[in-house]
C-alpha atoms as a PDB file:
ATOM      1  CA  MET A   1    -160.049 -10.981  -9.309  1.00  0.00           C
ATOM      2  CA  THR A   2    -157.435  -8.495 -10.474  1.00  0.00           C
ATOM      3  CA  SER A   3    -158.182  -5.685 -12.893  1.00  0.00           C
ATOM      4  CA  ARG A   4    -155.682  -7.194 -15.379  1.00  0.00           C
ATOM      5  CA  ARG A   5    -157.543 -10.468 -15.373  1.00  0.00           C
ATOM      6  CA  LEU A   6    -160.860  -8.692 -15.810  1.00  0.00           C
ATOM      7  CA  LEU A   7    -159.418  -6.828 -18.787  1.00  0.00           C
ATOM      8  CA  ARG A   8    -158.244 -10.071 -20.375  1.00  0.00           C
ATOM      9  CA  LEU A   9    -161.633 -11.661 -19.866  1.00  0.00           C
ATOM     10  CA  ALA A  10    -163.329  -8.643 -21.428  1.00  0.00           C
ATOM     11  CA  GLN A  11    -160.955  -8.793 -24.400  1.00  0.00           C
ATOM     12  CA  PHE A  12    -161.573 -12.518 -24.804  1.00  0.00           C
ATOM     13  CA  ALA A  13    -165.335 -12.004 -24.673  1.00  0.00           C
ATOM     14  CA  LEU A  14    -165.052  -9.244 -27.262  1.00  0.00           C
ATOM     15  CA  VAL A  15    -163.059 -11.464 -29.616  1.00  0.00           C
ATOM     16  CA  ILE A  16    -165.533 -14.335 -29.215  1.00  0.00           C
ATOM     17  CA  THR A  17    -168.452 -11.974 -29.834  1.00  0.00           C
ATOM     18  CA  LEU A  18    -166.773 -10.554 -32.932  1.00  0.00           C
ATOM     19  CA  LEU A  19    -165.974 -14.002 -34.321  1.00  0.00           C
ATOM     20  CA  ALA A  20    -169.528 -15.143 -33.669  1.00  0.00           C
ATOM     21  CA  TYR A  21    -170.878 -12.069 -35.434  1.00  0.00           C
ATOM     22  CA  LEU A  22    -168.625 -12.601 -38.434  1.00  0.00           C
ATOM     23  CA  ALA A  23    -169.578 -16.279 -38.628  1.00  0.00           C
ATOM     24  CA  ILE A  24    -173.304 -15.493 -38.508  1.00  0.00           C
ATOM     25  CA  ASN A  25    -172.816 -12.700 -41.004  1.00  0.00           C
ATOM     26  CA  ALA A  26    -170.919 -14.976 -43.401  1.00  0.00           C
ATOM     27  CA  GLY A  27    -173.558 -17.685 -43.059  1.00  0.00           C
ATOM     28  CA  MET A  28    -176.382 -15.282 -43.839  1.00  0.00           C
ATOM     29  CA  ALA A  29    -174.503 -13.909 -46.861  1.00  0.00           C
ATOM     30  CA  TRP A  30    -173.735 -17.403 -48.111  1.00  0.00           C
ATOM     31  CA  MET A  31    -177.349 -18.533 -47.868  1.00  0.00           C
ATOM     32  CA  TYR A  32    -178.616 -15.361 -49.535  1.00  0.00           C
ATOM     33  CA  VAL A  33    -176.261 -15.720 -52.485  1.00  0.00           C
ATOM     34  CA  HIS A  34    -176.955 -19.451 -52.736  1.00  0.00           C
ATOM     35  CA  VAL A  35    -180.613 -18.663 -53.363  1.00  0.00           C
ATOM     36  CA  LEU A  36    -179.595 -16.305 -56.171  1.00  0.00           C
ATOM     37  CA  THR A  37    -177.054 -18.589 -57.796  1.00  0.00           C
ATOM     38  CA  HIS A  38    -178.993 -21.847 -57.320  1.00  0.00           C
ATOM     39  CA  PRO A  39    -182.603 -20.903 -58.109  1.00  0.00           C
ATOM     40  CA  GLY A  40    -183.515 -24.386 -59.304  1.00  0.00           C
ATOM     41  CA  CYS A  41    -184.744 -25.363 -62.724  1.00  0.00           C
ATOM     42  CA  PRO A  42    -188.274 -24.057 -63.369  1.00  0.00           C
ATOM     43  CA  SER A  43    -190.985 -26.420 -64.564  1.00  0.00           C
ATOM     44  CA  GLN A  44    -191.662 -26.653 -68.275  1.00  0.00           C
ATOM     45  CA  PRO A  45    -192.359 -23.081 -69.445  1.00  0.00           C
ATOM     46  CA  SER A  46    -195.649 -22.398 -71.151  1.00  0.00           C
ATOM     47  CA  GLN A  47    -195.399 -21.471 -74.800  1.00  0.00           C
ATOM     48  CA  ILE A  48    -196.182 -17.967 -75.956  1.00  0.00           C
ATOM     49  CA  SER A  49    -199.857 -17.720 -76.842  1.00  0.00           C
ATOM     50  CA  ASP A  50    -200.844 -16.912 -80.430  1.00  0.00           C
ATOM     51  CA  SER A  51    -197.354 -17.792 -81.672  1.00  0.00           C
ATOM     52  CA  PRO A  52    -196.108 -20.790 -83.654  1.00  0.00           C
ATOM     53  CA  THR A  53    -194.506 -23.689 -81.808  1.00  0.00           C
ATOM     54  CA  PRO A  54    -190.808 -22.918 -81.480  1.00  0.00           C
ATOM     55  CA  GLU A  55    -187.959 -25.157 -82.480  1.00  0.00           C
ATOM     56  CA  GLU A  56    -186.328 -26.582 -79.344  1.00  0.00           C
ATOM     57  CA  LEU A  57    -182.567 -26.955 -79.462  1.00  0.00           C
ATOM     58  CA  TRP A  58    -179.598 -27.328 -77.154  1.00  0.00           C
ATOM     59  CA  LEU A  59    -176.801 -24.806 -77.462  1.00  0.00           C
ATOM     60  CA  GLU A  60    -173.256 -25.720 -76.486  1.00  0.00           C
ATOM     61  CA  THR A  61    -171.701 -22.884 -74.522  1.00  0.00           C
ATOM     62  CA  PRO A  62    -168.004 -21.971 -74.617  1.00  0.00           C
ATOM     63  CA  ASP A  63    -167.571 -23.428 -71.110  1.00  0.00           C
ATOM     64  CA  GLY A  64    -169.014 -26.809 -72.097  1.00  0.00           C
ATOM     65  CA  LEU A  65    -172.638 -26.660 -70.991  1.00  0.00           C
ATOM     66  CA  HIS A  66    -175.622 -27.731 -73.064  1.00  0.00           C
ATOM     67  CA  LEU A  67    -178.333 -25.151 -72.678  1.00  0.00           C
ATOM     68  CA  ARG A  68    -181.906 -25.344 -73.868  1.00  0.00           C
ATOM     69  CA  ALA A  69    -183.223 -22.671 -76.219  1.00  0.00           C
ATOM     70  CA  TRP A  70    -186.420 -22.030 -78.162  1.00  0.00           C
ATOM     71  CA  TYR A  71    -186.197 -20.554 -81.631  1.00  0.00           C
ATOM     72  CA  TYR A  72    -188.983 -18.836 -83.538  1.00  0.00           C
ATOM     73  CA  PRO A  73    -187.635 -18.560 -87.117  1.00  0.00           C
ATOM     74  CA  SER A  74    -187.248 -15.131 -88.673  1.00  0.00           C
ATOM     75  CA  ARG A  75    -189.634 -14.022 -91.402  1.00  0.00           C
ATOM     76  CA  ASN A  76    -188.089 -10.584 -92.004  1.00  0.00           C
ATOM     77  CA  GLY A  77    -184.362 -11.345 -92.059  1.00  0.00           C
ATOM     78  CA  ALA A  78    -183.729 -10.170 -88.472  1.00  0.00           C
ATOM     79  CA  ALA A  79    -183.444 -12.213 -85.279  1.00  0.00           C
ATOM     80  CA  ILE A  80    -183.266 -11.311 -81.591  1.00  0.00           C
ATOM     81  CA  ILE A  81    -181.437 -13.181 -78.828  1.00  0.00           C
ATOM     82  CA  ALA A  82    -183.577 -12.991 -75.670  1.00  0.00           C
ATOM     83  CA  MET A  83    -181.700 -13.158 -72.349  1.00  0.00           C
ATOM     84  CA  GLY A  84    -183.765 -13.304 -69.173  1.00  0.00           C
ATOM     85  CA  GLY A  85    -183.365 -13.140 -65.432  1.00  0.00           C
ATOM     86  CA  MET A  86    -182.581 -16.006 -63.048  1.00  0.00           C
ATOM     87  CA  GLY A  87    -185.454 -18.060 -64.456  1.00  0.00           C
ATOM     88  CA  GLY A  88    -184.241 -17.819 -68.048  1.00  0.00           C
ATOM     89  CA  ALA A  89    -186.055 -16.383 -71.051  1.00  0.00           C
ATOM     90  CA  LEU A  90    -188.183 -19.290 -72.288  1.00  0.00           C
ATOM     91  CA  GLY A  91    -191.886 -18.895 -72.913  1.00  0.00           C
ATOM     92  CA  GLN A  92    -193.645 -16.039 -71.166  1.00  0.00           C
ATOM     93  CA  ASN A  93    -190.629 -15.002 -69.081  1.00  0.00           C
ATOM     94  CA  PRO A  94    -189.303 -11.488 -69.590  1.00  0.00           C
ATOM     95  CA  PRO A  95    -188.091  -9.938 -71.731  1.00  0.00           C
ATOM     96  CA  PRO A  96    -191.447 -10.067 -73.546  1.00  0.00           C
ATOM     97  CA  VAL A  97    -191.050 -11.050 -77.194  1.00  0.00           C
ATOM     98  CA  ASP A  98    -194.520 -12.050 -78.420  1.00  0.00           C
ATOM     99  CA  PHE A  99    -195.023  -8.755 -80.267  1.00  0.00           C
ATOM    100  CA  LEU A 100    -191.640  -9.147 -81.997  1.00  0.00           C
ATOM    101  CA  ILE A 101    -192.563 -12.621 -83.206  1.00  0.00           C
ATOM    102  CA  GLN A 102    -195.852 -11.277 -84.540  1.00  0.00           C
ATOM    103  CA  LYS A 103    -193.909  -8.625 -86.507  1.00  0.00           C
ATOM    104  CA  GLY A 104    -191.812 -11.290 -88.207  1.00  0.00           C
ATOM    105  CA  PHE A 105    -188.647 -11.105 -86.131  1.00  0.00           C
ATOM    106  CA  GLY A 106    -186.901 -14.320 -85.331  1.00  0.00           C
ATOM    107  CA  VAL A 107    -186.472 -14.826 -81.584  1.00  0.00           C
ATOM    108  CA  LEU A 108    -184.061 -17.147 -79.808  1.00  0.00           C
ATOM    109  CA  GLN A 109    -185.039 -17.523 -76.140  1.00  0.00           C
ATOM    110  CA  ILE A 110    -182.218 -18.910 -73.981  1.00  0.00           C
ATOM    111  CA  ASP A 111    -182.894 -20.820 -70.777  1.00  0.00           C
ATOM    112  CA  THR A 112    -181.339 -20.412 -67.330  1.00  0.00           C
ATOM    113  CA  ARG A 113    -178.083 -22.165 -66.472  1.00  0.00           C
ATOM    114  CA  ALA A 114    -179.944 -23.853 -63.635  1.00  0.00           C
ATOM    115  CA  CYS A 115    -181.541 -26.045 -66.333  1.00  0.00           C
ATOM    116  CA  ALA A 116    -178.332 -26.717 -68.260  1.00  0.00           C
ATOM    117  CA  ARG A 117    -176.823 -30.155 -68.799  1.00  0.00           C
ATOM    118  CA  PRO A 118    -175.103 -30.458 -66.385  1.00  0.00           C
ATOM    119  CA  ALA A 119    -176.856 -27.935 -64.150  1.00  0.00           C
ATOM    120  CA  ALA A 120    -174.649 -24.939 -63.411  1.00  0.00           C
ATOM    121  CA  VAL A 121    -174.451 -21.991 -61.070  1.00  0.00           C
ATOM    122  CA  VAL A 122    -176.394 -18.933 -62.215  1.00  0.00           C
ATOM    123  CA  THR A 123    -173.846 -16.120 -62.278  1.00  0.00           C
ATOM    124  CA  LEU A 124    -176.241 -13.152 -62.514  1.00  0.00           C
ATOM    125  CA  GLY A 125    -175.164 -12.135 -66.005  1.00  0.00           C
ATOM    126  CA  ALA A 126    -171.433 -12.928 -65.947  1.00  0.00           C
ATOM    127  CA  LYS A 127    -171.085 -16.343 -67.592  1.00  0.00           C
ATOM    128  CA  GLU A 128    -174.527 -15.900 -69.142  1.00  0.00           C
ATOM    129  CA  ALA A 129    -172.766 -13.703 -71.704  1.00  0.00           C
ATOM    130  CA  GLN A 130    -171.235 -16.963 -72.961  1.00  0.00           C
ATOM    131  CA  ASP A 131    -174.756 -18.314 -73.431  1.00  0.00           C
ATOM    132  CA  ALA A 132    -175.624 -15.285 -75.553  1.00  0.00           C
ATOM    133  CA  ALA A 133    -172.465 -15.884 -77.589  1.00  0.00           C
ATOM    134  CA  ALA A 134    -173.578 -19.473 -78.209  1.00  0.00           C
ATOM    135  CA  GLY A 135    -176.927 -18.130 -79.391  1.00  0.00           C
ATOM    136  CA  LEU A 136    -175.136 -15.720 -81.691  1.00  0.00           C
ATOM    137  CA  SER A 137    -173.183 -18.593 -83.247  1.00  0.00           C
ATOM    138  CA  PHE A 138    -176.419 -20.485 -83.849  1.00  0.00           C
ATOM    139  CA  LEU A 139    -178.175 -17.552 -85.502  1.00  0.00           C
ATOM    140  CA  ALA A 140    -175.144 -16.705 -87.645  1.00  0.00           C
ATOM    141  CA  GLU A 141    -175.549 -20.115 -89.321  1.00  0.00           C
ATOM    142  CA  ARG A 142    -179.241 -19.712 -90.074  1.00  0.00           C
ATOM    143  CA  PRO A 143    -179.742 -18.824 -93.750  1.00  0.00           C
ATOM    144  CA  GLU A 144    -182.869 -16.753 -93.072  1.00  0.00           C
ATOM    145  CA  VAL A 145    -181.052 -14.471 -90.601  1.00  0.00           C
ATOM    146  CA  LYS A 146    -179.221 -11.434 -91.980  1.00  0.00           C
ATOM    147  CA  GLU A 147    -179.130  -9.146 -88.912  1.00  0.00           C
ATOM    148  CA  ILE A 148    -178.954 -10.011 -85.204  1.00  0.00           C
ATOM    149  CA  GLY A 149    -179.935  -8.033 -82.114  1.00  0.00           C
ATOM    150  CA  VAL A 150    -180.052  -8.891 -78.424  1.00  0.00           C
ATOM    151  CA  PHE A 151    -182.750  -8.104 -75.865  1.00  0.00           C
ATOM    152  CA  GLY A 152    -181.862  -8.594 -72.198  1.00  0.00           C
ATOM    153  CA  PHE A 153    -183.805  -8.241 -68.966  1.00  0.00           C
ATOM    154  CA  SER A 154    -182.278  -7.836 -65.484  1.00  0.00           C
ATOM    155  CA  MET A 155    -179.098  -9.947 -65.359  1.00  0.00           C
ATOM    156  CA  GLY A 156    -179.798 -10.687 -69.017  1.00  0.00           C
ATOM    157  CA  ALA A 157    -179.285  -6.981 -69.713  1.00  0.00           C
ATOM    158  CA  SER A 158    -175.754  -7.290 -68.369  1.00  0.00           C
ATOM    159  CA  ALA A 159    -175.132 -10.350 -70.548  1.00  0.00           C
ATOM    160  CA  ALA A 160    -176.563  -8.524 -73.569  1.00  0.00           C
ATOM    161  CA  LEU A 161    -174.286  -5.500 -73.145  1.00  0.00           C
ATOM    162  CA  HIS A 162    -171.254  -7.703 -72.544  1.00  0.00           C
ATOM    163  CA  VAL A 163    -171.748  -9.885 -75.615  1.00  0.00           C
ATOM    164  CA  ALA A 164    -172.508  -6.895 -77.838  1.00  0.00           C
ATOM    165  CA  ALA A 165    -169.367  -5.103 -76.681  1.00  0.00           C
ATOM    166  CA  ARG A 166    -167.280  -8.077 -77.831  1.00  0.00           C
ATOM    167  CA  HIS A 167    -169.110  -9.264 -80.938  1.00  0.00           C
ATOM    168  CA  GLN A 168    -169.597  -6.880 -83.831  1.00  0.00           C
ATOM    169  CA  GLN A 169    -172.237  -9.217 -85.309  1.00  0.00           C
ATOM    170  CA  ILE A 170    -174.650  -7.897 -82.677  1.00  0.00           C
ATOM    171  CA  ALA A 171    -176.213  -4.954 -84.506  1.00  0.00           C
ATOM    172  CA  ALA A 172    -178.456  -3.541 -81.748  1.00  0.00           C
ATOM    173  CA  VAL A 173    -179.114  -3.933 -78.014  1.00  0.00           C
ATOM    174  CA  VAL A 174    -182.146  -3.408 -75.796  1.00  0.00           C
ATOM    175  CA  ALA A 175    -181.178  -3.688 -72.115  1.00  0.00           C
ATOM    176  CA  GLU A 176    -183.945  -3.492 -69.511  1.00  0.00           C
ATOM    177  CA  GLY A 177    -183.587  -3.220 -65.746  1.00  0.00           C
ATOM    178  CA  GLY A 178    -179.905  -4.106 -65.531  1.00  0.00           C
ATOM    179  CA  TYR A 179    -177.359  -3.136 -62.896  1.00  0.00           C
ATOM    180  CA  PHE A 180    -174.393  -0.827 -63.565  1.00  0.00           C
ATOM    181  CA  ASN A 181    -171.690  -3.013 -61.947  1.00  0.00           C
ATOM    182  CA  LEU A 182    -172.376  -6.229 -60.086  1.00  0.00           C
ATOM    183  CA  GLY A 183    -169.896  -5.594 -57.278  1.00  0.00           C
ATOM    184  CA  GLY A 184    -171.186  -2.067 -56.864  1.00  0.00           C
ATOM    185  CA  ASP A 185    -174.753  -3.332 -56.912  1.00  0.00           C
ATOM    186  CA  PHE A 186    -173.913  -5.695 -54.055  1.00  0.00           C
ATOM    187  CA  VAL A 187    -172.085  -3.238 -51.798  1.00  0.00           C
ATOM    188  CA  GLU A 188    -173.985  -0.008 -52.565  1.00  0.00           C
ATOM    189  CA  PRO A 189    -170.805   2.120 -52.379  1.00  0.00           C
ATOM    190  CA  ASP A 190    -172.555   5.493 -52.382  1.00  0.00           C
ATOM    191  CA  SER A 191    -175.165   4.637 -49.777  1.00  0.00           C
ATOM    192  CA  ARG A 192    -174.871   5.742 -46.179  1.00  0.00           C
ATOM    193  CA  VAL A 193    -175.321   2.574 -44.145  1.00  0.00           C
ATOM    194  CA  THR A 194    -174.196   1.284 -40.777  1.00  0.00           C
ATOM    195  CA  VAL A 195    -170.890  -0.530 -40.351  1.00  0.00           C
ATOM    196  CA  THR A 196    -172.722  -3.793 -39.642  1.00  0.00           C
ATOM    197  CA  ARG A 197    -174.697  -3.523 -42.868  1.00  0.00           C
ATOM    198  CA  ARG A 198    -171.551  -2.614 -44.797  1.00  0.00           C
ATOM    199  CA  VAL A 199    -169.861  -5.765 -43.517  1.00  0.00           C
ATOM    200  CA  LEU A 200    -172.878  -7.810 -44.593  1.00  0.00           C
ATOM    201  CA  LEU A 201    -172.881  -6.283 -48.093  1.00  0.00           C
ATOM    202  CA  TYR A 202    -169.205  -7.054 -48.616  1.00  0.00           C
ATOM    203  CA  SER A 203    -169.806 -10.557 -47.276  1.00  0.00           C
ATOM    204  CA  ILE A 204    -172.479 -10.999 -49.951  1.00  0.00           C
ATOM    205  CA  ALA A 205    -170.032  -9.903 -52.651  1.00  0.00           C
ATOM    206  CA  ALA A 206    -167.427 -12.323 -51.286  1.00  0.00           C
ATOM    207  CA  ALA A 207    -169.938 -15.177 -51.145  1.00  0.00           C
ATOM    208  CA  TYR A 208    -170.886 -14.539 -54.768  1.00  0.00           C
ATOM    209  CA  TRP A 209    -167.209 -14.576 -55.782  1.00  0.00           C
ATOM    210  CA  LEU A 210    -166.668 -17.914 -54.001  1.00  0.00           C
ATOM    211  CA  GLN A 211    -169.816 -19.576 -55.342  1.00  0.00           C
ATOM    212  CA  SER A 212    -169.524 -18.378 -58.936  1.00  0.00           C
ATOM    213  CA  GLY A 213    -165.779 -18.066 -59.397  1.00  0.00           C
ATOM    214  CA  VAL A 214    -166.341 -14.568 -60.811  1.00  0.00           C
ATOM    215  CA  ASN A 215    -165.059 -11.298 -59.386  1.00  0.00           C
ATOM    216  CA  PRO A 216    -168.303  -9.278 -59.210  1.00  0.00           C
ATOM    217  CA  TRP A 217    -166.512  -5.970 -59.833  1.00  0.00           C
ATOM    218  CA  GLU A 218    -165.371  -7.317 -63.213  1.00  0.00           C
ATOM    219  CA  VAL A 219    -169.004  -7.723 -64.311  1.00  0.00           C
ATOM    220  CA  ASN A 220    -169.201  -4.151 -65.491  1.00  0.00           C
ATOM    221  CA  PRO A 221    -172.040  -3.179 -67.862  1.00  0.00           C
ATOM    222  CA  ILE A 222    -171.367   0.541 -67.478  1.00  0.00           C
ATOM    223  CA  GLU A 223    -167.964  -0.044 -69.065  1.00  0.00           C
ATOM    224  CA  ASP A 224    -169.247  -2.489 -71.697  1.00  0.00           C
ATOM    225  CA  ILE A 225    -171.879  -0.056 -72.921  1.00  0.00           C
ATOM    226  CA  ALA A 226    -169.265   2.473 -74.042  1.00  0.00           C
ATOM    227  CA  SER A 227    -167.797  -0.080 -76.486  1.00  0.00           C
ATOM    228  CA  ILE A 228    -170.976  -0.802 -78.447  1.00  0.00           C
ATOM    229  CA  SER A 229    -171.180   2.377 -80.547  1.00  0.00           C
ATOM    230  CA  PRO A 230    -171.766   2.946 -83.460  1.00  0.00           C
ATOM    231  CA  ARG A 231    -174.355   0.214 -82.960  1.00  0.00           C
ATOM    232  CA  PRO A 232    -177.473   1.540 -81.193  1.00  0.00           C
ATOM    233  CA  VAL A 233    -178.466   0.849 -77.592  1.00  0.00           C
ATOM    234  CA  LEU A 234    -181.864   1.321 -75.942  1.00  0.00           C
ATOM    235  CA  LEU A 235    -181.962   1.310 -72.139  1.00  0.00           C
ATOM    236  CA  ILE A 236    -185.300   0.717 -70.380  1.00  0.00           C
ATOM    237  CA  TYR A 237    -185.890   1.243 -66.661  1.00  0.00           C
ATOM    238  CA  GLY A 238    -188.946   1.505 -64.501  1.00  0.00           C
ATOM    239  CA  GLU A 239    -189.295   4.740 -62.581  1.00  0.00           C
ATOM    240  CA  THR A 240    -188.748   2.939 -59.274  1.00  0.00           C
ATOM    241  CA  GLU A 241    -185.557   1.147 -60.365  1.00  0.00           C
ATOM    242  CA  ALA A 242    -183.825   3.821 -62.425  1.00  0.00           C
ATOM    243  CA  GLU A 243    -181.806   5.260 -59.541  1.00  0.00           C
ATOM    244  CA  SER A 244    -180.543   1.941 -58.155  1.00  0.00           C
ATOM    245  CA  GLY A 245    -179.688   0.761 -61.660  1.00  0.00           C
ATOM    246  CA  ARG A 246    -177.808   3.998 -62.375  1.00  0.00           C
ATOM    247  CA  ALA A 247    -179.855   4.517 -65.529  1.00  0.00           C
ATOM    248  CA  LEU A 248    -178.630   8.067 -66.107  1.00  0.00           C
ATOM    249  CA  ALA A 249    -174.994   7.126 -65.496  1.00  0.00           C
ATOM    250  CA  GLN A 250    -175.212   4.226 -67.931  1.00  0.00           C
ATOM    251  CA  PHE A 251    -176.877   6.434 -70.515  1.00  0.00           C
ATOM    252  CA  ALA A 252    -174.102   9.005 -70.082  1.00  0.00           C
ATOM    253  CA  ALA A 253    -171.462   6.277 -70.492  1.00  0.00           C
ATOM    254  CA  ALA A 254    -173.006   5.044 -73.741  1.00  0.00           C
ATOM    255  CA  ARG A 255    -172.058   6.654 -77.021  1.00  0.00           C
ATOM    256  CA  GLU A 256    -174.404   7.597 -79.826  1.00  0.00           C
ATOM    257  CA  PRO A 257    -176.688   6.286 -81.109  1.00  0.00           C
ATOM    258  CA  LYS A 258    -178.394   5.686 -77.798  1.00  0.00           C
ATOM    259  CA  ALA A 259    -181.783   6.087 -76.148  1.00  0.00           C
ATOM    260  CA  LEU A 260    -183.138   5.866 -72.593  1.00  0.00           C
ATOM    261  CA  TRP A 261    -186.745   5.320 -71.628  1.00  0.00           C
ATOM    262  CA  ILE A 262    -187.709   5.568 -67.962  1.00  0.00           C
ATOM    263  CA  VAL A 263    -191.206   4.117 -67.706  1.00  0.00           C
ATOM    264  CA  PRO A 264    -193.478   6.293 -65.530  1.00  0.00           C
ATOM    265  CA  GLY A 265    -194.763   4.166 -62.654  1.00  0.00           C
ATOM    266  CA  GLY A 266    -192.750   1.188 -63.898  1.00  0.00           C
ATOM    267  CA  ALA A 267    -190.860  -1.261 -61.699  1.00  0.00           C
ATOM    268  CA  HIS A 268    -188.448  -4.130 -62.180  1.00  0.00           C
ATOM    269  CA  GLY A 269    -190.156  -6.760 -64.308  1.00  0.00           C
ATOM    270  CA  SER A 270    -193.414  -4.848 -64.724  1.00  0.00           C
ATOM    271  CA  ASN A 271    -192.576  -2.197 -67.307  1.00  0.00           C
ATOM    272  CA  HIS A 272    -194.365  -4.006 -70.118  1.00  0.00           C
ATOM    273  CA  ALA A 273    -197.472  -4.482 -67.975  1.00  0.00           C
ATOM    274  CA  THR A 274    -197.371  -0.830 -66.879  1.00  0.00           C
ATOM    275  CA  SER A 275    -197.258   0.613 -70.378  1.00  0.00           C
ATOM    276  CA  PRO A 276    -197.732  -2.209 -72.905  1.00  0.00           C
ATOM    277  CA  GLY A 277    -198.609  -0.146 -75.951  1.00  0.00           C
ATOM    278  CA  GLU A 278    -195.698   2.254 -75.702  1.00  0.00           C
ATOM    279  CA  TYR A 279    -193.331  -0.529 -74.631  1.00  0.00           C
ATOM    280  CA  GLU A 280    -194.087  -2.621 -77.697  1.00  0.00           C
ATOM    281  CA  HIS A 281    -193.961   0.405 -79.993  1.00  0.00           C
ATOM    282  CA  ARG A 282    -190.579   1.602 -78.707  1.00  0.00           C
ATOM    283  CA  VAL A 283    -188.906  -1.815 -78.817  1.00  0.00           C
ATOM    284  CA  THR A 284    -190.358  -2.743 -82.212  1.00  0.00           C
ATOM    285  CA  GLU A 285    -189.420   0.580 -83.786  1.00  0.00           C
ATOM    286  CA  PHE A 286    -185.929   0.395 -82.327  1.00  0.00           C
ATOM    287  CA  PHE A 287    -185.200  -3.063 -83.700  1.00  0.00           C
ATOM    288  CA  SER A 288    -186.955  -2.314 -87.000  1.00  0.00           C
ATOM    289  CA  ALA A 289    -184.730   0.709 -87.615  1.00  0.00           C
ATOM    290  CA  ALA A 290    -181.511  -0.942 -86.385  1.00  0.00           C
ATOM    291  CA  LEU A 291    -181.951  -4.290 -88.146  1.00  0.00           C
ATOM    292  CA  SER A 292    -183.494  -3.128 -91.414  1.00  0.00           C
ATOM    293  CA  GLN A 293    -182.067  -4.706 -94.550  1.00  0.00           C
END
């Protein structure tokens, strides 16, 4: 066998190996994103203990979905739109709202798109901003509601910042545990990783784009947050998630009035459990001051 033929065989084997790697890589990315964007519709959420039975309604979103929501009517003239993570915000799901209901705030908890009619892809905060806008339209028609805020957790924080940046009717925002930019969150641009991991991260971003129809780099909370002033923003992060969420960078991008609370020992989804008294005090005082009549 000649050396030229051996070289061609080696090149062919290299190409086949590379194609196989890319195919496996793409398949892994696709499956990973599919889990995120198709989490399934959770079973019937349990109602919040020691709270009245909410009104159940179906919001029509700007893109034609019918989305379940629970509304606890306002007793103090202010109402909060609650936007959750992949599992939605109904019932006991974060963000926690029981203490706000007890203080007389109205609360509108909006469900996940996985439970919509028809069921839809969960877009990790992108199209969920449309769901928040539908909630805003509902609350704006309620005679007991004079001021409206939004309280988002995780991807719901992104939706909260986005809807507030575009709707002046949103008077205050609490955003907990959100990312700074969805594309950046996927690809970790400032991290020092191997080439193989970098390829996987970009494959994940591409798979999200294909499955959701949304360019992840256009889901950009760190840009949205700068447009909310002069309405106040409170950012909440657990100590273990503050760096990955770029808490300090988002706080720097926001304009006054603004506040940042990094919960000592807190983690994604556990900040309320870590420091319940201070958590409830900070959120209640923030909304009380921002939504006072």
